[in-house]
Amino acid sequence: MSRKPKKGYFVRGQFVAEGSELDLELKRELKGTDDASRTDLKRESDELQKLGGELLTLRAGLFDALPLDEKLVDAIAEAKRITNFEGKRRQMQFIGKLMRKLEPEVLEAVRQALSEQASVPAAETAALHEAERWRDRLIADDDALGGWIETHPATDSQQLRALVRQARKDMKTGPAGEAPRQGKAYREIFQLVRAQLAVHGGDDHAAAAAEQDREEDA
């Protein structure tokens, strides 16, 4: 007769049997009986909620390049739209909860993006602006799409056309009275354009974009 399997669960690849000493220890930690552990968890939770708040200030070019899941991206977009104080506070708590589910490498990418925003050189800022302008033009204008493919032949034209179609579709499906929804395709167009600009005369493009930024600021 086969033995009845033990009830339990896995933690970091290790099987923990229900009722075992390790199981009881883990449950004590979850209940917060250890004051130091509870303090550490609260500190970590506050830090991640603050990090989520800083994501709201991250410029589009850097934000679009982050490997965030759709649920978090939508939550951040919603937080930007909310003006009610209590509603905003609850939304930020929700964002903090989602932040706690991110992998360490994704959190590190977020910190690096925020650090880059604080210290990014003018040429890189201009290059991000140019990629943003091209993304918006490609979504808004079929002529711009054809012109891009002609001047950037290394682009996967089939992929780009599919992304543009999806981005336009996403923008039409947003609730009435709210800003257009910017889905995954919107960010992927930016990433594709930015990569192509970097390959196709990156320094020249950055210089031209910097000059255009100066003209717009004048």
N, C-alpha and C. Protein backbone atom coordinates (compact mmCIF):
# COMPACT_ATOMS: atom_id res chain seq x y z
N MET A 1 0.85 -1.19 0.00
CA MET A 1 0.00 0.00 0.00
C MET A 1 0.89 1.24 0.00
N SER A 2 0.58 2.20 -0.87
CA SER A 2 1.40 3.40 -0.97
C SER A 2 1.14 4.29 0.23
N ARG A 3 2.18 4.99 0.65
CA ARG A 3 2.07 5.89 1.79
C ARG A 3 1.31 7.14 1.40
N LYS A 4 0.48 7.62 2.30
CA LYS A 4 -0.26 8.85 2.05
C LYS A 4 0.71 10.02 2.08
N PRO A 5 0.72 10.86 1.02
CA PRO A 5 1.67 11.98 1.00
C PRO A 5 1.41 12.96 2.14
N LYS A 6 2.50 13.52 2.65
CA LYS A 6 2.38 14.51 3.72
C LYS A 6 1.80 15.81 3.18
N LYS A 7 1.01 16.45 4.02
CA LYS A 7 0.50 17.76 3.65
C LYS A 7 1.56 18.81 3.95
N GLY A 8 1.66 19.79 3.08
CA GLY A 8 2.65 20.83 3.30
C GLY A 8 2.73 21.79 2.13
N TYR A 9 3.84 22.47 2.04
CA TYR A 9 4.03 23.48 1.00
C TYR A 9 5.53 23.69 0.81
N PHE A 10 5.85 24.42 -0.24
CA PHE A 10 7.26 24.67 -0.55
C PHE A 10 7.61 26.12 -0.25
N VAL A 11 8.78 26.34 0.32
CA VAL A 11 9.33 27.67 0.57
C VAL A 11 10.75 27.69 0.05
N ARG A 12 10.98 28.53 -0.96
CA ARG A 12 12.31 28.62 -1.60
C ARG A 12 12.84 27.25 -2.00
N GLY A 13 11.96 26.43 -2.56
CA GLY A 13 12.36 25.13 -3.07
C GLY A 13 12.42 24.03 -2.02
N GLN A 14 12.14 24.35 -0.76
CA GLN A 14 12.20 23.37 0.31
C GLN A 14 10.79 22.99 0.75
N PHE A 15 10.53 21.67 0.88
CA PHE A 15 9.21 21.22 1.31
C PHE A 15 9.08 21.39 2.82
N VAL A 16 7.98 22.01 3.23
CA VAL A 16 7.72 22.22 4.65
C VAL A 16 6.46 21.45 5.02
N ALA A 17 6.61 20.42 5.84
CA ALA A 17 5.46 19.61 6.24
C ALA A 17 4.64 20.34 7.28
N GLU A 18 3.31 20.26 7.15
CA GLU A 18 2.43 20.90 8.12
C GLU A 18 2.65 20.29 9.50
N GLY A 19 2.77 21.17 10.51
CA GLY A 19 2.96 20.70 11.88
C GLY A 19 4.41 20.52 12.27
N SER A 20 5.32 20.61 11.28
CA SER A 20 6.74 20.45 11.60
C SER A 20 7.25 21.69 12.33
N GLU A 21 8.47 21.58 12.90
CA GLU A 21 9.05 22.71 13.61
C GLU A 21 9.27 23.90 12.68
N LEU A 22 9.70 23.59 11.43
CA LEU A 22 9.91 24.66 10.47
C LEU A 22 8.60 25.34 10.12
N ASP A 23 7.52 24.56 9.99
CA ASP A 23 6.20 25.12 9.69
C ASP A 23 5.76 26.05 10.81
N LEU A 24 5.93 25.62 12.07
CA LEU A 24 5.54 26.45 13.20
C LEU A 24 6.37 27.74 13.27
N GLU A 25 7.67 27.62 12.92
CA GLU A 25 8.54 28.80 12.94
C GLU A 25 8.11 29.81 11.88
N LEU A 26 7.79 29.30 10.68
CA LEU A 26 7.35 30.19 9.61
C LEU A 26 6.03 30.88 9.96
N LYS A 27 5.13 30.13 10.59
CA LYS A 27 3.84 30.70 10.96
C LYS A 27 4.00 31.76 12.05
N ARG A 28 4.96 31.54 12.96
CA ARG A 28 5.22 32.55 13.99
C ARG A 28 5.70 33.84 13.35
N GLU A 29 6.56 33.71 12.32
CA GLU A 29 7.06 34.89 11.62
C GLU A 29 5.93 35.62 10.91
N LEU A 30 5.03 34.84 10.28
CA LEU A 30 3.92 35.46 9.56
C LEU A 30 2.97 36.20 10.50
N LYS A 31 2.81 35.67 11.72
CA LYS A 31 1.94 36.32 12.69
C LYS A 31 2.58 37.57 13.29
N GLY A 32 3.88 37.73 13.04
CA GLY A 32 4.55 38.93 13.54
C GLY A 32 4.88 38.86 15.00
N THR A 33 5.10 37.64 15.55
CA THR A 33 5.43 37.53 16.96
C THR A 33 6.83 38.05 17.23
N ASP A 34 7.66 38.10 16.21
CA ASP A 34 9.01 38.63 16.34
C ASP A 34 8.96 40.13 16.03
N ASP A 35 9.17 40.97 17.05
CA ASP A 35 9.05 42.42 16.87
C ASP A 35 10.02 42.94 15.81
N ALA A 36 11.23 42.38 15.79
CA ALA A 36 12.23 42.83 14.82
C ALA A 36 11.77 42.52 13.41
N SER A 37 11.22 41.31 13.21
CA SER A 37 10.74 40.93 11.89
C SER A 37 9.59 41.82 11.46
N ARG A 38 8.70 42.12 12.41
CA ARG A 38 7.54 42.96 12.09
C ARG A 38 8.00 44.37 11.70
N THR A 39 9.00 44.88 12.40
CA THR A 39 9.53 46.20 12.08
C THR A 39 10.19 46.22 10.71
N ASP A 40 10.95 45.17 10.40
CA ASP A 40 11.62 45.07 9.11
C ASP A 40 10.60 45.01 7.97
N LEU A 41 9.55 44.21 8.18
CA LEU A 41 8.52 44.08 7.15
C LEU A 41 7.80 45.41 6.92
N LYS A 42 7.53 46.14 8.01
CA LYS A 42 6.86 47.44 7.89
C LYS A 42 7.77 48.43 7.15
N ARG A 43 9.05 48.40 7.48
CA ARG A 43 10.00 49.31 6.81
C ARG A 43 10.07 48.99 5.32
N GLU A 44 10.14 47.70 4.99
CA GLU A 44 10.21 47.30 3.59
C GLU A 44 8.94 47.68 2.85
N SER A 45 7.78 47.49 3.51
CA SER A 45 6.51 47.84 2.89
C SER A 45 6.43 49.33 2.61
N ASP A 46 6.86 50.16 3.57
CA ASP A 46 6.84 51.61 3.38
C ASP A 46 7.77 52.04 2.25
N GLU A 47 8.93 51.39 2.18
CA GLU A 47 9.91 51.73 1.14
C GLU A 47 9.35 51.42 -0.24
N LEU A 48 8.69 50.27 -0.38
CA LEU A 48 8.16 49.88 -1.68
C LEU A 48 6.97 50.76 -2.08
N GLN A 49 6.17 51.16 -1.10
CA GLN A 49 5.06 52.06 -1.43
C GLN A 49 5.60 53.42 -1.89
N LYS A 50 6.67 53.89 -1.24
CA LYS A 50 7.29 55.14 -1.64
C LYS A 50 7.89 55.01 -3.05
N LEU A 51 8.50 53.86 -3.32
CA LEU A 51 9.08 53.62 -4.64
C LEU A 51 7.98 53.62 -5.70
N GLY A 52 6.83 53.04 -5.36
CA GLY A 52 5.69 53.05 -6.28
C GLY A 52 5.21 54.47 -6.54
N GLY A 53 5.24 55.32 -5.51
CA GLY A 53 4.85 56.71 -5.69
C GLY A 53 5.80 57.45 -6.61
N GLU A 54 7.08 57.13 -6.50
CA GLU A 54 8.07 57.78 -7.36
C GLU A 54 7.91 57.36 -8.82
N LEU A 55 7.35 56.17 -9.03
CA LEU A 55 7.09 55.73 -10.40
C LEU A 55 6.14 56.67 -11.12
N LEU A 56 5.26 57.31 -10.37
CA LEU A 56 4.30 58.24 -10.98
C LEU A 56 5.01 59.45 -11.58
N THR A 57 6.21 59.75 -11.09
CA THR A 57 6.95 60.92 -11.58
C THR A 57 7.95 60.55 -12.68
N LEU A 58 8.08 59.27 -12.97
CA LEU A 58 9.08 58.84 -13.96
C LEU A 58 8.62 59.21 -15.36
N ARG A 59 9.51 59.84 -16.12
CA ARG A 59 9.15 60.27 -17.45
C ARG A 59 8.81 59.07 -18.33
N ALA A 60 7.98 59.30 -19.34
CA ALA A 60 7.43 58.21 -20.15
C ALA A 60 8.50 57.33 -20.77
N GLY A 61 9.56 57.94 -21.29
CA GLY A 61 10.58 57.16 -21.96
C GLY A 61 11.22 56.12 -21.06
N LEU A 62 11.51 56.49 -19.82
CA LEU A 62 12.12 55.55 -18.88
C LEU A 62 11.09 54.57 -18.35
N PHE A 63 9.87 55.04 -18.12
CA PHE A 63 8.82 54.17 -17.60
C PHE A 63 8.48 53.06 -18.59
N ASP A 64 8.37 53.43 -19.87
CA ASP A 64 7.97 52.46 -20.90
C ASP A 64 9.01 51.35 -21.07
N ALA A 65 10.26 51.64 -20.70
CA ALA A 65 11.32 50.65 -20.88
C ALA A 65 11.38 49.64 -19.72
N LEU A 66 10.61 49.85 -18.66
CA LEU A 66 10.65 48.96 -17.51
C LEU A 66 9.82 47.69 -17.75
N PRO A 67 10.28 46.54 -17.25
CA PRO A 67 9.55 45.27 -17.44
C PRO A 67 8.46 45.08 -16.38
N LEU A 68 7.48 45.99 -16.36
CA LEU A 68 6.41 45.93 -15.38
C LEU A 68 5.23 45.15 -15.93
N ASP A 69 4.48 44.48 -15.04
CA ASP A 69 3.31 43.75 -15.51
C ASP A 69 2.15 44.73 -15.72
N GLU A 70 1.19 44.30 -16.51
CA GLU A 70 0.09 45.19 -16.92
C GLU A 70 -0.73 45.70 -15.74
N LYS A 71 -0.90 44.86 -14.73
CA LYS A 71 -1.72 45.25 -13.59
C LYS A 71 -1.12 46.46 -12.87
N LEU A 72 0.20 46.45 -12.70
CA LEU A 72 0.88 47.57 -12.05
C LEU A 72 0.86 48.81 -12.94
N VAL A 73 1.09 48.63 -14.23
CA VAL A 73 1.07 49.76 -15.17
C VAL A 73 -0.30 50.43 -15.15
N ASP A 74 -1.36 49.62 -15.18
CA ASP A 74 -2.72 50.18 -15.16
C ASP A 74 -3.00 50.90 -13.83
N ALA A 75 -2.49 50.33 -12.73
CA ALA A 75 -2.72 50.93 -11.41
C ALA A 75 -2.04 52.29 -11.32
N ILE A 76 -0.84 52.41 -11.90
CA ILE A 76 -0.12 53.69 -11.89
C ILE A 76 -0.84 54.71 -12.76
N ALA A 77 -1.32 54.27 -13.93
CA ALA A 77 -2.07 55.18 -14.81
C ALA A 77 -3.33 55.67 -14.10
N GLU A 78 -3.99 54.78 -13.37
CA GLU A 78 -5.21 55.16 -12.64
C GLU A 78 -4.88 56.16 -11.53
N ALA A 79 -3.76 55.95 -10.84
CA ALA A 79 -3.37 56.86 -9.76
C ALA A 79 -3.12 58.27 -10.29
N LYS A 80 -2.58 58.37 -11.51
CA LYS A 80 -2.33 59.68 -12.10
C LYS A 80 -3.63 60.41 -12.41
N ARG A 81 -4.71 59.64 -12.65
CA ARG A 81 -5.99 60.27 -12.99
C ARG A 81 -6.79 60.69 -11.76
N ILE A 82 -6.55 60.02 -10.62
CA ILE A 82 -7.34 60.28 -9.42
C ILE A 82 -6.94 61.60 -8.78
N THR A 83 -7.92 62.43 -8.46
CA THR A 83 -7.65 63.72 -7.82
C THR A 83 -8.14 63.75 -6.37
N ASN A 84 -9.08 62.87 -6.02
CA ASN A 84 -9.58 62.80 -4.65
C ASN A 84 -8.50 62.30 -3.71
N PHE A 85 -8.29 62.99 -2.58
CA PHE A 85 -7.20 62.65 -1.66
C PHE A 85 -7.31 61.24 -1.13
N GLU A 86 -8.48 60.87 -0.63
CA GLU A 86 -8.65 59.54 -0.05
C GLU A 86 -8.54 58.47 -1.13
N GLY A 87 -9.11 58.74 -2.29
CA GLY A 87 -9.02 57.78 -3.39
C GLY A 87 -7.57 57.57 -3.81
N LYS A 88 -6.81 58.66 -3.85
CA LYS A 88 -5.40 58.60 -4.22
C LYS A 88 -4.62 57.78 -3.18
N ARG A 89 -4.92 58.02 -1.91
CA ARG A 89 -4.22 57.30 -0.84
C ARG A 89 -4.45 55.80 -0.94
N ARG A 90 -5.69 55.41 -1.17
CA ARG A 90 -5.99 53.98 -1.29
C ARG A 90 -5.35 53.37 -2.53
N GLN A 91 -5.33 54.14 -3.61
CA GLN A 91 -4.70 53.64 -4.83
C GLN A 91 -3.20 53.44 -4.62
N MET A 92 -2.56 54.35 -3.88
CA MET A 92 -1.14 54.21 -3.61
C MET A 92 -0.86 53.00 -2.72
N GLN A 93 -1.77 52.71 -1.80
CA GLN A 93 -1.62 51.50 -0.99
C GLN A 93 -1.69 50.25 -1.87
N PHE A 94 -2.60 50.29 -2.85
CA PHE A 94 -2.74 49.17 -3.78
C PHE A 94 -1.46 49.02 -4.61
N ILE A 95 -0.90 50.14 -5.05
CA ILE A 95 0.35 50.09 -5.82
C ILE A 95 1.47 49.52 -4.96
N GLY A 96 1.50 49.91 -3.68
CA GLY A 96 2.52 49.36 -2.78
C GLY A 96 2.39 47.85 -2.65
N LYS A 97 1.16 47.37 -2.60
CA LYS A 97 0.92 45.93 -2.52
C LYS A 97 1.43 45.22 -3.78
N LEU A 98 1.20 45.82 -4.94
CA LEU A 98 1.68 45.24 -6.20
C LEU A 98 3.21 45.28 -6.27
N MET A 99 3.79 46.34 -5.74
CA MET A 99 5.25 46.48 -5.75
C MET A 99 5.89 45.35 -4.96
N ARG A 100 5.25 44.90 -3.90
CA ARG A 100 5.81 43.84 -3.06
C ARG A 100 5.87 42.51 -3.78
N LYS A 101 5.13 42.39 -4.90
CA LYS A 101 5.12 41.15 -5.66
C LYS A 101 6.18 41.13 -6.76
N LEU A 102 6.88 42.25 -6.97
CA LEU A 102 7.87 42.32 -8.04
C LEU A 102 9.12 41.55 -7.69
N GLU A 103 9.75 40.99 -8.71
CA GLU A 103 11.02 40.29 -8.52
C GLU A 103 12.12 41.30 -8.19
N PRO A 104 13.15 40.87 -7.45
CA PRO A 104 14.24 41.79 -7.06
C PRO A 104 14.88 42.49 -8.25
N GLU A 105 15.05 41.77 -9.37
CA GLU A 105 15.70 42.40 -10.52
C GLU A 105 14.82 43.50 -11.13
N VAL A 106 13.49 43.36 -11.03
CA VAL A 106 12.59 44.39 -11.55
C VAL A 106 12.64 45.62 -10.63
N LEU A 107 12.67 45.39 -9.32
CA LEU A 107 12.79 46.50 -8.38
C LEU A 107 14.10 47.26 -8.60
N GLU A 108 15.16 46.53 -8.89
CA GLU A 108 16.44 47.17 -9.15
C GLU A 108 16.37 48.01 -10.42
N ALA A 109 15.66 47.50 -11.44
CA ALA A 109 15.49 48.25 -12.69
C ALA A 109 14.72 49.54 -12.42
N VAL A 110 13.73 49.49 -11.54
CA VAL A 110 12.96 50.68 -11.19
C VAL A 110 13.86 51.71 -10.51
N ARG A 111 14.68 51.26 -9.57
CA ARG A 111 15.59 52.17 -8.86
C ARG A 111 16.59 52.80 -9.82
N GLN A 112 17.09 51.99 -10.75
CA GLN A 112 18.05 52.50 -11.72
C GLN A 112 17.41 53.54 -12.64
N ALA A 113 16.15 53.29 -13.03
CA ALA A 113 15.45 54.25 -13.90
C ALA A 113 15.25 55.57 -13.18
N LEU A 114 14.88 55.52 -11.90
CA LEU A 114 14.69 56.74 -11.13
C LEU A 114 16.01 57.49 -10.95
N SER A 115 17.08 56.73 -10.74
CA SER A 115 18.40 57.33 -10.61
C SER A 115 18.83 57.96 -11.93
N GLU A 116 18.53 57.26 -13.04
CA GLU A 116 18.88 57.78 -14.36
C GLU A 116 18.14 59.07 -14.65
N GLN A 117 16.88 59.13 -14.23
CA GLN A 117 16.10 60.34 -14.47
C GLN A 117 16.73 61.54 -13.76
N ALA A 118 17.31 61.27 -12.59
CA ALA A 118 17.89 62.36 -11.82
C ALA A 118 19.23 62.84 -12.36
N SER A 119 19.89 61.96 -13.16
CA SER A 119 21.24 62.32 -13.60
C SER A 119 21.46 62.16 -15.11
N VAL A 120 20.38 61.89 -15.86
CA VAL A 120 20.53 61.62 -17.29
C VAL A 120 21.08 62.86 -18.02
N PRO A 121 22.07 62.69 -18.90
CA PRO A 121 22.62 63.83 -19.64
C PRO A 121 21.62 64.39 -20.65
N ALA A 122 21.87 65.61 -21.09
CA ALA A 122 20.94 66.30 -21.99
C ALA A 122 20.74 65.53 -23.29
N ALA A 123 21.81 64.94 -23.84
CA ALA A 123 21.69 64.23 -25.12
C ALA A 123 20.77 63.02 -24.98
N GLU A 124 20.87 62.32 -23.85
CA GLU A 124 20.02 61.14 -23.66
C GLU A 124 18.57 61.56 -23.45
N THR A 125 18.37 62.65 -22.72
CA THR A 125 17.02 63.17 -22.54
C THR A 125 16.40 63.53 -23.88
N ALA A 126 17.20 64.17 -24.74
CA ALA A 126 16.71 64.55 -26.07
C ALA A 126 16.38 63.31 -26.90
N ALA A 127 17.20 62.26 -26.78
CA ALA A 127 16.94 61.02 -27.52
C ALA A 127 15.63 60.38 -27.07
N LEU A 128 15.36 60.44 -25.76
CA LEU A 128 14.10 59.91 -25.25
C LEU A 128 12.92 60.72 -25.78
N HIS A 129 13.10 62.04 -25.83
CA HIS A 129 12.04 62.90 -26.37
C HIS A 129 11.75 62.54 -27.83
N GLU A 130 12.82 62.31 -28.59
CA GLU A 130 12.63 61.99 -30.01
C GLU A 130 11.88 60.67 -30.16
N ALA A 131 12.25 59.67 -29.36
CA ALA A 131 11.56 58.38 -29.43
C ALA A 131 10.09 58.54 -29.07
N GLU A 132 9.80 59.38 -28.09
CA GLU A 132 8.41 59.62 -27.71
C GLU A 132 7.63 60.30 -28.84
N ARG A 133 8.27 61.28 -29.48
CA ARG A 133 7.60 61.98 -30.59
C ARG A 133 7.30 61.02 -31.74
N TRP A 134 8.29 60.17 -32.07
CA TRP A 134 8.08 59.22 -33.15
C TRP A 134 6.97 58.23 -32.80
N ARG A 135 6.96 57.76 -31.56
CA ARG A 135 5.90 56.83 -31.15
C ARG A 135 4.54 57.44 -31.36
N ASP A 136 4.36 58.69 -30.91
CA ASP A 136 3.06 59.35 -31.02
C ASP A 136 2.69 59.60 -32.49
N ARG A 137 3.68 59.95 -33.30
CA ARG A 137 3.41 60.17 -34.73
C ARG A 137 3.02 58.87 -35.42
N LEU A 138 3.70 57.80 -35.11
CA LEU A 138 3.41 56.51 -35.74
C LEU A 138 1.99 56.05 -35.43
N ILE A 139 1.55 56.29 -34.20
CA ILE A 139 0.20 55.88 -33.81
C ILE A 139 -0.86 56.77 -34.46
N ALA A 140 -0.52 58.05 -34.62
CA ALA A 140 -1.52 59.01 -35.11
C ALA A 140 -1.61 59.10 -36.63
N ASP A 141 -0.53 58.73 -37.35
CA ASP A 141 -0.47 59.06 -38.78
C ASP A 141 0.10 57.90 -39.60
N ASP A 142 -0.69 57.40 -40.55
CA ASP A 142 -0.22 56.32 -41.42
C ASP A 142 0.96 56.76 -42.28
N ASP A 143 1.00 58.03 -42.68
CA ASP A 143 2.11 58.53 -43.49
C ASP A 143 3.42 58.46 -42.70
N ALA A 144 3.34 58.75 -41.41
CA ALA A 144 4.54 58.67 -40.56
C ALA A 144 5.02 57.23 -40.46
N LEU A 145 4.08 56.30 -40.42
CA LEU A 145 4.43 54.88 -40.36
C LEU A 145 5.18 54.47 -41.61
N GLY A 146 4.68 54.87 -42.77
CA GLY A 146 5.35 54.53 -44.03
C GLY A 146 6.72 55.20 -44.12
N GLY A 147 6.81 56.45 -43.67
CA GLY A 147 8.08 57.15 -43.72
C GLY A 147 9.12 56.52 -42.80
N TRP A 148 8.67 56.07 -41.63
CA TRP A 148 9.60 55.42 -40.70
C TRP A 148 10.18 54.14 -41.31
N ILE A 149 9.32 53.32 -41.87
CA ILE A 149 9.76 52.05 -42.44
C ILE A 149 10.73 52.29 -43.60
N GLU A 150 10.48 53.34 -44.37
CA GLU A 150 11.36 53.66 -45.50
C GLU A 150 12.74 54.11 -45.03
N THR A 151 12.79 54.92 -44.00
CA THR A 151 14.07 55.46 -43.53
C THR A 151 14.77 54.56 -42.51
N HIS A 152 14.04 53.56 -41.99
CA HIS A 152 14.63 52.61 -41.04
C HIS A 152 14.32 51.19 -41.52
N PRO A 153 14.95 50.76 -42.62
CA PRO A 153 14.63 49.48 -43.24
C PRO A 153 14.91 48.26 -42.36
N ALA A 154 15.73 48.43 -41.31
CA ALA A 154 16.01 47.30 -40.43
C ALA A 154 14.84 46.98 -39.51
N THR A 155 13.87 47.87 -39.47
CA THR A 155 12.69 47.66 -38.62
C THR A 155 11.86 46.48 -39.14
N ASP A 156 11.37 45.68 -38.21
CA ASP A 156 10.43 44.61 -38.56
C ASP A 156 9.09 45.29 -38.84
N SER A 157 8.81 45.57 -40.12
CA SER A 157 7.63 46.36 -40.48
C SER A 157 6.33 45.67 -40.08
N GLN A 158 6.30 44.34 -40.19
CA GLN A 158 5.08 43.61 -39.83
C GLN A 158 4.80 43.75 -38.33
N GLN A 159 5.85 43.63 -37.53
CA GLN A 159 5.69 43.78 -36.08
C GLN A 159 5.24 45.20 -35.72
N LEU A 160 5.88 46.20 -36.37
CA LEU A 160 5.54 47.58 -36.07
C LEU A 160 4.09 47.89 -36.43
N ARG A 161 3.65 47.44 -37.61
CA ARG A 161 2.26 47.70 -38.03
C ARG A 161 1.28 47.05 -37.05
N ALA A 162 1.60 45.84 -36.59
CA ALA A 162 0.72 45.14 -35.65
C ALA A 162 0.65 45.89 -34.32
N LEU A 163 1.79 46.40 -33.86
CA LEU A 163 1.81 47.15 -32.60
C LEU A 163 1.02 48.45 -32.72
N VAL A 164 1.16 49.13 -33.86
CA VAL A 164 0.43 50.37 -34.08
C VAL A 164 -1.08 50.11 -34.09
N ARG A 165 -1.50 49.05 -34.77
CA ARG A 165 -2.92 48.70 -34.80
C ARG A 165 -3.44 48.44 -33.39
N GLN A 166 -2.66 47.70 -32.60
CA GLN A 166 -3.10 47.37 -31.25
C GLN A 166 -3.13 48.61 -30.36
N ALA A 167 -2.14 49.49 -30.51
CA ALA A 167 -2.11 50.71 -29.71
C ALA A 167 -3.32 51.58 -30.01
N ARG A 168 -3.68 51.69 -31.29
CA ARG A 168 -4.86 52.47 -31.66
C ARG A 168 -6.13 51.84 -31.09
N LYS A 169 -6.19 50.53 -31.12
CA LYS A 169 -7.36 49.82 -30.58
C LYS A 169 -7.48 50.04 -29.08
N ASP A 170 -6.34 49.96 -28.37
CA ASP A 170 -6.34 50.17 -26.92
C ASP A 170 -6.86 51.56 -26.56
N MET A 171 -6.45 52.55 -27.34
CA MET A 171 -6.84 53.93 -27.04
C MET A 171 -8.34 54.15 -27.23
N LYS A 172 -8.95 53.37 -28.10
CA LYS A 172 -10.38 53.52 -28.37
C LYS A 172 -11.25 52.82 -27.34
N THR A 173 -10.64 51.90 -26.55
CA THR A 173 -11.43 51.10 -25.62
C THR A 173 -11.46 51.68 -24.21
N GLY A 174 -10.83 52.82 -23.99
CA GLY A 174 -10.83 53.42 -22.66
C GLY A 174 -12.19 53.98 -22.29
N PRO A 175 -12.49 54.12 -20.98
CA PRO A 175 -13.77 54.66 -20.52
C PRO A 175 -13.97 56.09 -21.01
N ALA A 176 -15.21 56.46 -21.26
CA ALA A 176 -15.52 57.81 -21.73
C ALA A 176 -15.13 58.83 -20.68
N GLY A 177 -14.58 59.94 -21.13
CA GLY A 177 -14.20 61.01 -20.22
C GLY A 177 -12.84 60.86 -19.58
N GLU A 178 -12.16 59.74 -19.84
CA GLU A 178 -10.83 59.53 -19.27
C GLU A 178 -9.78 59.62 -20.37
N ALA A 179 -8.53 59.82 -19.93
CA ALA A 179 -7.43 59.88 -20.89
C ALA A 179 -7.32 58.54 -21.62
N PRO A 180 -6.89 58.55 -22.88
CA PRO A 180 -6.77 57.30 -23.64
C PRO A 180 -5.89 56.28 -22.92
N ARG A 181 -6.29 55.02 -22.97
CA ARG A 181 -5.52 53.96 -22.33
C ARG A 181 -4.25 53.70 -23.11
N GLN A 182 -3.16 53.59 -22.40
CA GLN A 182 -1.87 53.32 -23.02
C GLN A 182 -1.43 51.92 -22.61
N GLY A 183 -1.70 50.94 -23.48
CA GLY A 183 -1.43 49.56 -23.16
C GLY A 183 -0.02 49.11 -23.48
N LYS A 184 0.14 47.80 -23.48
CA LYS A 184 1.46 47.21 -23.71
C LYS A 184 2.02 47.59 -25.07
N ALA A 185 1.18 47.61 -26.10
CA ALA A 185 1.65 47.93 -27.46
C ALA A 185 2.24 49.34 -27.51
N TYR A 186 1.63 50.26 -26.78
CA TYR A 186 2.11 51.65 -26.73
C TYR A 186 3.55 51.70 -26.24
N ARG A 187 3.84 50.94 -25.20
CA ARG A 187 5.20 50.92 -24.65
C ARG A 187 6.16 50.16 -25.57
N GLU A 188 5.68 49.10 -26.21
CA GLU A 188 6.55 48.32 -27.08
C GLU A 188 6.95 49.11 -28.33
N ILE A 189 6.06 49.97 -28.82
CA ILE A 189 6.42 50.84 -29.95
C ILE A 189 7.58 51.75 -29.54
N PHE A 190 7.48 52.32 -28.35
CA PHE A 190 8.56 53.19 -27.87
C PHE A 190 9.88 52.42 -27.81
N GLN A 191 9.85 51.21 -27.26
CA GLN A 191 11.08 50.42 -27.12
C GLN A 191 11.67 50.10 -28.49
N LEU A 192 10.82 49.75 -29.46
CA LEU A 192 11.29 49.43 -30.80
C LEU A 192 11.91 50.67 -31.46
N VAL A 193 11.22 51.80 -31.36
CA VAL A 193 11.72 53.04 -31.96
C VAL A 193 13.03 53.46 -31.32
N ARG A 194 13.09 53.41 -30.01
CA ARG A 194 14.31 53.83 -29.31
C ARG A 194 15.50 52.97 -29.73
N ALA A 195 15.28 51.65 -29.85
CA ALA A 195 16.36 50.75 -30.26
C ALA A 195 16.83 51.07 -31.67
N GLN A 196 15.89 51.34 -32.58
CA GLN A 196 16.26 51.64 -33.96
C GLN A 196 16.99 52.98 -34.08
N LEU A 197 16.56 53.96 -33.30
CA LEU A 197 17.24 55.26 -33.32
C LEU A 197 18.67 55.13 -32.81
N ALA A 198 18.88 54.27 -31.81
CA ALA A 198 20.22 54.08 -31.25
C ALA A 198 21.15 53.43 -32.28
N VAL A 199 20.59 52.52 -33.09
CA VAL A 199 21.40 51.83 -34.10
C VAL A 199 21.62 52.71 -35.33
N HIS A 200 20.57 53.45 -35.70
CA HIS A 200 20.57 54.22 -36.94
C HIS A 200 21.05 55.65 -36.68
N GLY A 201 22.35 55.82 -36.50
CA GLY A 201 22.90 57.16 -36.29
C GLY A 201 22.50 57.78 -34.98
N GLY A 202 22.72 57.05 -33.87
CA GLY A 202 22.28 57.51 -32.58
C GLY A 202 22.77 58.88 -32.21
N ASP A 203 24.06 59.16 -32.38
CA ASP A 203 24.60 60.46 -31.98
C ASP A 203 23.99 61.60 -32.79
N ASP A 204 23.85 61.39 -34.11
CA ASP A 204 23.26 62.44 -34.95
C ASP A 204 21.82 62.70 -34.57
N HIS A 205 21.08 61.61 -34.32
CA HIS A 205 19.68 61.76 -33.91
C HIS A 205 19.58 62.52 -32.60
N ALA A 206 20.44 62.16 -31.64
CA ALA A 206 20.40 62.81 -30.34
C ALA A 206 20.70 64.31 -30.47
N ALA A 207 21.69 64.65 -31.30
CA ALA A 207 22.05 66.05 -31.49
C ALA A 207 20.88 66.82 -32.12
N ALA A 208 20.25 66.21 -33.13
CA ALA A 208 19.12 66.86 -33.79
C ALA A 208 17.95 67.01 -32.82
N ALA A 209 17.72 65.97 -32.01
CA ALA A 209 16.61 66.04 -31.05
C ALA A 209 16.89 67.09 -29.98
N ALA A 210 18.15 67.20 -29.56
CA ALA A 210 18.50 68.21 -28.56
C ALA A 210 18.25 69.61 -29.10
N GLU A 211 18.59 69.82 -30.38
CA GLU A 211 18.36 71.11 -31.02
C GLU A 211 16.86 71.40 -31.08
N GLN A 212 16.06 70.37 -31.39
CA GLN A 212 14.61 70.56 -31.46
C GLN A 212 14.04 70.88 -30.09
N ASP A 213 14.58 70.22 -29.05
CA ASP A 213 14.13 70.52 -27.70
C ASP A 213 14.43 71.96 -27.32
N ARG A 214 15.60 72.46 -27.72
CA ARG A 214 15.97 73.84 -27.41
C ARG A 214 15.02 74.81 -28.11
N GLU A 215 14.64 74.47 -29.36
CA GLU A 215 13.72 75.33 -30.09
C GLU A 215 12.35 75.34 -29.45
N GLU A 216 11.91 74.16 -28.94
CA GLU A 216 10.59 74.10 -28.30
C GLU A 216 10.57 74.86 -27.00
N ASP A 217 11.72 74.86 -26.29
CA ASP A 217 11.78 75.56 -25.01
C ASP A 217 11.91 77.07 -25.17
N ALA A 218 12.37 77.49 -26.38
CA ALA A 218 12.61 78.93 -26.61
C ALA A 218 11.29 79.70 -26.63
